[in-house]
């Protein structure tokens, strides 16, 4: 006669979470574009002026120096407003073909602050 053990299902959520963590790659999760970002836009304005305005221009219109190639994004366009916070944070974090990655230079808080400032450019 075979004795069956009762399965301990308490470990299932832990194992599922572990599998999710180990599966990578990771993405930044944020609220949709219709919600306001949680960053400090006044702090973001300072960071933008220091790191972003050189290419994107002081008003974010893409009219800065063409240091890394042509056509820096015009951040005041309606297309930017339609993008989710997660998409824009990913662009800041990972960079674009002509834009450097900022993941090693800006903290998550600083990235959210820049996003909050970019959202004010559309108004």
N, C-alpha and C. Protein backbone atom coordinates (compact mmCIF):
# COMPACT_ATOMS: atom_id res chain seq x y z
N UNK A 1 0.84 -1.17 0.00
CA UNK A 1 0.00 0.00 0.00
C UNK A 1 0.89 1.24 0.00
N UNK A 2 0.59 2.14 -0.90
CA UNK A 2 1.38 3.37 -1.04
C UNK A 2 0.73 4.48 -0.23
N UNK A 3 1.54 5.17 0.58
CA UNK A 3 1.04 6.26 1.40
C UNK A 3 1.30 7.57 0.66
N UNK A 4 0.27 8.36 0.52
CA UNK A 4 0.41 9.66 -0.14
C UNK A 4 0.57 10.75 0.89
N UNK A 5 1.52 11.61 0.61
CA UNK A 5 1.71 12.76 1.49
C UNK A 5 0.81 13.89 1.03
N UNK A 6 0.40 14.65 1.96
CA UNK A 6 -0.39 15.83 1.64
C UNK A 6 0.58 16.91 1.14
N UNK A 7 0.26 17.51 0.00
CA UNK A 7 1.13 18.54 -0.57
C UNK A 7 1.03 19.81 0.27
N UNK A 8 2.19 20.40 0.50
CA UNK A 8 2.24 21.67 1.22
C UNK A 8 2.15 22.80 0.21
N UNK A 9 0.96 23.33 0.00
CA UNK A 9 0.76 24.35 -1.02
C UNK A 9 1.20 25.74 -0.57
N UNK A 10 1.63 25.87 0.66
CA UNK A 10 2.10 27.17 1.15
C UNK A 10 3.33 27.65 0.38
N UNK A 11 4.09 26.73 -0.18
CA UNK A 11 5.30 27.08 -0.91
C UNK A 11 5.02 27.54 -2.34
N UNK A 12 3.86 27.26 -2.88
CA UNK A 12 3.56 27.58 -4.27
C UNK A 12 3.70 29.07 -4.60
N UNK A 13 3.12 29.97 -3.81
CA UNK A 13 3.30 31.39 -4.15
C UNK A 13 4.76 31.84 -4.09
N UNK A 14 5.50 31.31 -3.14
CA UNK A 14 6.91 31.64 -3.02
C UNK A 14 7.68 31.16 -4.25
N UNK A 15 7.41 29.95 -4.68
CA UNK A 15 8.10 29.40 -5.85
C UNK A 15 7.70 30.15 -7.12
N UNK A 16 6.44 30.52 -7.23
CA UNK A 16 6.00 31.29 -8.41
C UNK A 16 6.69 32.64 -8.44
N UNK A 17 6.81 33.29 -7.29
CA UNK A 17 7.50 34.57 -7.22
C UNK A 17 8.97 34.43 -7.56
N UNK A 18 9.60 33.38 -7.08
CA UNK A 18 11.00 33.13 -7.38
C UNK A 18 11.20 32.89 -8.87
N UNK A 19 10.31 32.12 -9.47
CA UNK A 19 10.41 31.88 -10.91
C UNK A 19 10.24 33.18 -11.69
N UNK A 20 9.36 34.04 -11.25
CA UNK A 20 9.16 35.33 -11.91
C UNK A 20 10.40 36.20 -11.80
N UNK A 21 11.01 36.23 -10.63
CA UNK A 21 12.21 37.04 -10.43
C UNK A 21 13.37 36.52 -11.27
N UNK A 22 13.52 35.23 -11.34
CA UNK A 22 14.63 34.65 -12.08
C UNK A 22 14.42 34.66 -13.59
N UNK A 23 13.19 34.86 -14.03
CA UNK A 23 12.91 34.78 -15.46
C UNK A 23 13.42 35.98 -16.23
N UNK A 24 13.47 37.22 -15.60
CA UNK A 24 13.97 38.40 -16.32
C UNK A 24 13.53 38.40 -17.76
N UNK A 25 13.82 39.29 -18.64
CA UNK A 25 14.35 40.60 -18.32
C UNK A 25 13.32 41.46 -17.59
N UNK A 26 13.78 42.48 -17.00
CA UNK A 26 12.93 43.28 -16.15
C UNK A 26 12.43 44.51 -16.89
N UNK A 27 11.26 44.96 -16.52
CA UNK A 27 10.72 46.19 -17.08
C UNK A 27 10.32 47.10 -15.94
N UNK A 28 10.28 48.37 -16.23
CA UNK A 28 9.85 49.35 -15.26
C UNK A 28 8.35 49.47 -15.35
N UNK A 29 7.67 49.38 -14.21
CA UNK A 29 6.22 49.47 -14.20
C UNK A 29 5.82 50.81 -13.64
N UNK A 30 4.94 51.50 -14.33
CA UNK A 30 4.47 52.80 -13.87
C UNK A 30 3.02 52.96 -14.25
N UNK A 31 2.46 54.05 -13.81
CA UNK A 31 1.06 54.31 -14.10
C UNK A 31 0.88 54.75 -15.55
N UNK A 32 -0.33 54.63 -16.09
CA UNK A 32 -0.58 55.06 -17.46
C UNK A 32 -0.37 56.55 -17.62
N UNK A 33 -0.28 57.00 -18.87
CA UNK A 33 0.00 58.40 -19.18
C UNK A 33 -1.05 59.34 -18.63
N UNK A 34 -2.26 58.85 -18.41
CA UNK A 34 -3.32 59.73 -17.92
C UNK A 34 -3.13 60.07 -16.45
N UNK A 35 -2.42 59.25 -15.71
CA UNK A 35 -2.13 59.56 -14.31
C UNK A 35 -0.91 60.45 -14.25
N UNK A 36 -0.80 61.24 -13.19
CA UNK A 36 0.39 62.07 -13.07
C UNK A 36 1.52 61.24 -12.48
N UNK A 37 2.74 61.43 -12.98
CA UNK A 37 3.88 60.70 -12.42
C UNK A 37 4.09 61.10 -10.96
N UNK A 38 4.71 60.24 -10.20
CA UNK A 38 4.88 60.49 -8.78
C UNK A 38 6.14 61.28 -8.47
N UNK A 39 6.90 61.67 -9.49
CA UNK A 39 8.15 62.38 -9.28
C UNK A 39 7.94 63.86 -9.00
N UNK A 40 8.99 64.49 -8.53
CA UNK A 40 9.01 65.92 -8.22
C UNK A 40 9.44 66.67 -9.48
N UNK A 41 8.50 67.38 -10.14
CA UNK A 41 8.82 68.02 -11.41
C UNK A 41 9.82 69.17 -11.27
N UNK A 42 9.88 69.84 -10.11
CA UNK A 42 10.87 70.91 -9.94
C UNK A 42 12.29 70.33 -9.87
N UNK A 43 12.41 69.18 -9.22
CA UNK A 43 13.71 68.49 -9.20
C UNK A 43 14.01 67.96 -10.60
N UNK A 44 12.98 67.46 -11.27
CA UNK A 44 13.14 66.95 -12.63
C UNK A 44 13.59 68.03 -13.61
N UNK A 45 13.13 69.25 -13.41
CA UNK A 45 13.53 70.37 -14.28
C UNK A 45 15.03 70.61 -14.18
N UNK A 46 15.56 70.55 -12.98
CA UNK A 46 17.01 70.74 -12.77
C UNK A 46 17.81 69.61 -13.41
N UNK A 47 17.34 68.38 -13.24
CA UNK A 47 18.03 67.23 -13.83
C UNK A 47 17.95 67.31 -15.35
N UNK A 48 16.77 67.67 -15.87
CA UNK A 48 16.58 67.81 -17.32
C UNK A 48 17.54 68.85 -17.88
N UNK A 49 17.65 70.00 -17.21
CA UNK A 49 18.54 71.06 -17.67
C UNK A 49 19.99 70.59 -17.71
N UNK A 50 20.38 69.78 -16.74
CA UNK A 50 21.76 69.31 -16.63
C UNK A 50 22.08 68.20 -17.64
N UNK A 51 21.15 67.26 -17.80
CA UNK A 51 21.46 66.06 -18.58
C UNK A 51 20.74 65.93 -19.92
N UNK A 52 19.59 66.55 -20.08
CA UNK A 52 18.75 66.27 -21.24
C UNK A 52 18.63 67.43 -22.22
N UNK A 53 18.69 68.65 -21.71
CA UNK A 53 18.43 69.83 -22.54
C UNK A 53 19.47 69.99 -23.65
N UNK A 54 20.67 69.46 -23.47
CA UNK A 54 21.69 69.57 -24.51
C UNK A 54 21.21 69.04 -25.84
N UNK A 55 20.47 67.95 -25.83
CA UNK A 55 19.95 67.37 -27.08
C UNK A 55 18.47 67.73 -27.30
N UNK A 56 17.66 67.62 -26.24
CA UNK A 56 16.22 67.85 -26.39
C UNK A 56 15.84 69.32 -26.40
N UNK A 57 16.79 70.20 -26.08
CA UNK A 57 16.51 71.63 -26.02
C UNK A 57 15.96 72.03 -24.66
N UNK A 58 16.11 73.28 -24.32
CA UNK A 58 15.70 73.75 -22.99
C UNK A 58 14.19 73.62 -22.76
N UNK A 59 13.41 73.67 -23.85
CA UNK A 59 11.95 73.53 -23.74
C UNK A 59 11.49 72.13 -24.15
N UNK A 60 12.43 71.23 -24.43
CA UNK A 60 12.09 69.85 -24.79
C UNK A 60 11.58 69.67 -26.21
N UNK A 61 11.85 70.65 -27.08
CA UNK A 61 11.31 70.60 -28.44
C UNK A 61 12.23 69.88 -29.43
N UNK A 62 13.30 69.27 -28.95
CA UNK A 62 14.21 68.53 -29.82
C UNK A 62 15.14 69.43 -30.61
N UNK A 63 15.31 70.66 -30.14
CA UNK A 63 16.11 71.63 -30.88
C UNK A 63 17.45 71.94 -30.21
N UNK A 64 17.96 70.97 -29.46
CA UNK A 64 19.26 71.16 -28.82
C UNK A 64 20.38 70.82 -29.79
N UNK A 65 21.55 70.61 -29.23
CA UNK A 65 22.70 70.24 -30.05
C UNK A 65 22.49 68.83 -30.61
N UNK A 66 22.94 68.60 -31.80
CA UNK A 66 22.81 67.28 -32.41
C UNK A 66 24.08 66.47 -32.13
N UNK A 67 24.34 66.23 -30.86
CA UNK A 67 25.58 65.57 -30.43
C UNK A 67 25.62 64.09 -30.77
N UNK A 68 24.53 63.41 -30.57
CA UNK A 68 24.54 61.96 -30.72
C UNK A 68 23.87 61.49 -32.01
N UNK A 69 23.53 62.40 -32.86
CA UNK A 69 22.87 62.04 -34.11
C UNK A 69 21.68 62.95 -34.36
N UNK A 70 21.02 62.76 -35.48
CA UNK A 70 19.91 63.62 -35.85
C UNK A 70 18.64 63.33 -35.05
N UNK A 71 17.78 64.30 -35.06
CA UNK A 71 16.41 64.17 -34.57
C UNK A 71 16.24 63.74 -33.11
N UNK A 72 16.75 64.53 -32.15
CA UNK A 72 16.36 64.23 -30.77
C UNK A 72 14.85 64.38 -30.65
N UNK A 73 14.22 63.60 -29.82
CA UNK A 73 12.76 63.62 -29.71
C UNK A 73 12.26 64.98 -29.25
N UNK A 74 11.16 65.43 -29.87
CA UNK A 74 10.43 66.61 -29.43
C UNK A 74 9.47 66.12 -28.36
N UNK A 75 9.76 66.43 -27.12
CA UNK A 75 9.00 65.91 -25.99
C UNK A 75 7.70 66.67 -25.74
N UNK A 76 7.43 67.70 -26.55
CA UNK A 76 6.18 68.46 -26.40
C UNK A 76 5.09 67.98 -27.35
N UNK A 77 5.40 67.04 -28.20
CA UNK A 77 4.42 66.54 -29.17
C UNK A 77 3.31 65.73 -28.48
N UNK A 78 2.13 65.71 -29.10
CA UNK A 78 1.05 64.88 -28.55
C UNK A 78 1.40 63.40 -28.48
N UNK A 79 2.28 62.94 -29.37
CA UNK A 79 2.68 61.53 -29.35
C UNK A 79 3.34 61.17 -28.02
N UNK A 80 4.07 62.11 -27.44
CA UNK A 80 4.70 61.86 -26.14
C UNK A 80 3.64 61.74 -25.06
N UNK A 81 2.62 62.57 -25.13
CA UNK A 81 1.54 62.53 -24.14
C UNK A 81 0.82 61.19 -24.17
N UNK A 82 0.72 60.59 -25.35
CA UNK A 82 0.01 59.32 -25.49
C UNK A 82 0.80 58.14 -24.94
N UNK A 83 2.11 58.30 -24.81
CA UNK A 83 2.94 57.20 -24.31
C UNK A 83 2.73 57.04 -22.81
N UNK A 84 2.78 55.80 -22.37
CA UNK A 84 2.61 55.53 -20.94
C UNK A 84 3.86 55.95 -20.18
N UNK A 85 3.69 56.13 -18.88
CA UNK A 85 4.83 56.45 -18.02
C UNK A 85 5.86 55.33 -18.09
N UNK A 86 5.39 54.10 -18.15
CA UNK A 86 6.32 52.96 -18.20
C UNK A 86 7.18 53.01 -19.46
N UNK A 87 6.58 53.37 -20.59
CA UNK A 87 7.32 53.46 -21.84
C UNK A 87 8.37 54.57 -21.76
N UNK A 88 7.97 55.72 -21.26
CA UNK A 88 8.91 56.84 -21.17
C UNK A 88 10.01 56.57 -20.14
N UNK A 89 9.66 55.96 -19.02
CA UNK A 89 10.68 55.60 -18.04
C UNK A 89 11.66 54.58 -18.61
N UNK A 90 11.15 53.67 -19.40
CA UNK A 90 12.02 52.69 -20.05
C UNK A 90 12.98 53.37 -21.01
N UNK A 91 12.49 54.38 -21.75
CA UNK A 91 13.37 55.13 -22.66
C UNK A 91 14.46 55.86 -21.89
N UNK A 92 14.10 56.46 -20.76
CA UNK A 92 15.09 57.15 -19.93
C UNK A 92 16.10 56.13 -19.40
N UNK A 93 15.58 55.03 -18.93
CA UNK A 93 16.41 54.01 -18.29
C UNK A 93 17.33 53.30 -19.30
N UNK A 94 16.75 52.85 -20.39
CA UNK A 94 17.49 52.03 -21.36
C UNK A 94 18.12 52.83 -22.49
N UNK A 95 17.62 54.04 -22.76
CA UNK A 95 18.13 54.84 -23.86
C UNK A 95 17.48 54.46 -25.17
N UNK A 96 17.92 55.08 -26.23
CA UNK A 96 17.43 54.86 -27.59
C UNK A 96 18.64 54.74 -28.49
N UNK A 97 18.45 54.46 -29.79
CA UNK A 97 19.62 54.35 -30.67
C UNK A 97 20.56 55.56 -30.62
N UNK A 98 20.01 56.76 -30.55
CA UNK A 98 20.85 57.97 -30.48
C UNK A 98 20.81 58.62 -29.11
N UNK A 99 20.37 57.90 -28.10
CA UNK A 99 20.26 58.45 -26.74
C UNK A 99 20.92 57.47 -25.78
N UNK A 100 21.77 57.97 -24.89
CA UNK A 100 22.43 57.06 -23.95
C UNK A 100 21.46 56.53 -22.89
N UNK A 101 21.83 55.44 -22.30
CA UNK A 101 21.09 54.88 -21.17
C UNK A 101 21.43 55.71 -19.93
N UNK A 102 20.42 55.99 -19.13
CA UNK A 102 20.64 56.76 -17.91
C UNK A 102 20.51 55.91 -16.65
N UNK A 103 20.37 54.58 -16.82
CA UNK A 103 20.13 53.72 -15.66
C UNK A 103 21.27 53.72 -14.66
N UNK A 104 22.49 53.98 -15.11
CA UNK A 104 23.63 54.00 -14.19
C UNK A 104 23.97 55.41 -13.70
N UNK A 105 23.25 56.40 -14.20
CA UNK A 105 23.54 57.79 -13.81
C UNK A 105 22.42 58.41 -12.99
N UNK A 106 21.18 57.97 -13.23
CA UNK A 106 20.04 58.52 -12.50
C UNK A 106 19.41 57.43 -11.64
N UNK A 107 19.02 57.81 -10.45
CA UNK A 107 18.30 56.87 -9.59
C UNK A 107 16.86 56.75 -10.11
N UNK A 108 16.12 55.79 -9.58
CA UNK A 108 14.72 55.62 -9.96
C UNK A 108 13.93 56.88 -9.61
N UNK A 109 14.23 57.49 -8.47
CA UNK A 109 13.56 58.72 -8.05
C UNK A 109 13.87 59.86 -9.02
N UNK A 110 15.12 59.99 -9.44
CA UNK A 110 15.50 61.04 -10.38
C UNK A 110 14.86 60.82 -11.75
N UNK A 111 14.77 59.57 -12.19
CA UNK A 111 14.11 59.27 -13.46
C UNK A 111 12.64 59.65 -13.42
N UNK A 112 11.97 59.33 -12.30
CA UNK A 112 10.56 59.72 -12.16
C UNK A 112 10.41 61.23 -12.12
N UNK A 113 11.37 61.92 -11.52
CA UNK A 113 11.32 63.38 -11.48
C UNK A 113 11.46 63.96 -12.88
N UNK A 114 12.36 63.42 -13.68
CA UNK A 114 12.51 63.87 -15.07
C UNK A 114 11.22 63.62 -15.83
N UNK A 115 10.63 62.45 -15.64
CA UNK A 115 9.36 62.15 -16.30
C UNK A 115 8.28 63.14 -15.88
N UNK A 116 8.21 63.45 -14.60
CA UNK A 116 7.21 64.42 -14.12
C UNK A 116 7.42 65.77 -14.80
N UNK A 117 8.67 66.17 -14.96
CA UNK A 117 8.94 67.44 -15.66
C UNK A 117 8.57 67.35 -17.13
N UNK A 118 8.90 66.24 -17.78
CA UNK A 118 8.55 66.07 -19.21
C UNK A 118 7.03 66.17 -19.38
N UNK A 119 6.28 65.63 -18.45
CA UNK A 119 4.82 65.72 -18.54
C UNK A 119 4.34 67.17 -18.45
N UNK A 120 5.09 68.05 -17.80
CA UNK A 120 4.68 69.46 -17.73
C UNK A 120 4.98 70.18 -19.04
N UNK A 121 5.88 69.66 -19.87
CA UNK A 121 6.23 70.31 -21.12
C UNK A 121 5.08 70.28 -22.12
N UNK A 122 4.18 69.36 -21.98
CA UNK A 122 3.10 69.19 -22.93
C UNK A 122 2.01 70.25 -22.77
N UNK A 123 1.98 70.91 -21.64
CA UNK A 123 0.89 71.84 -21.33
C UNK A 123 1.11 73.20 -21.95
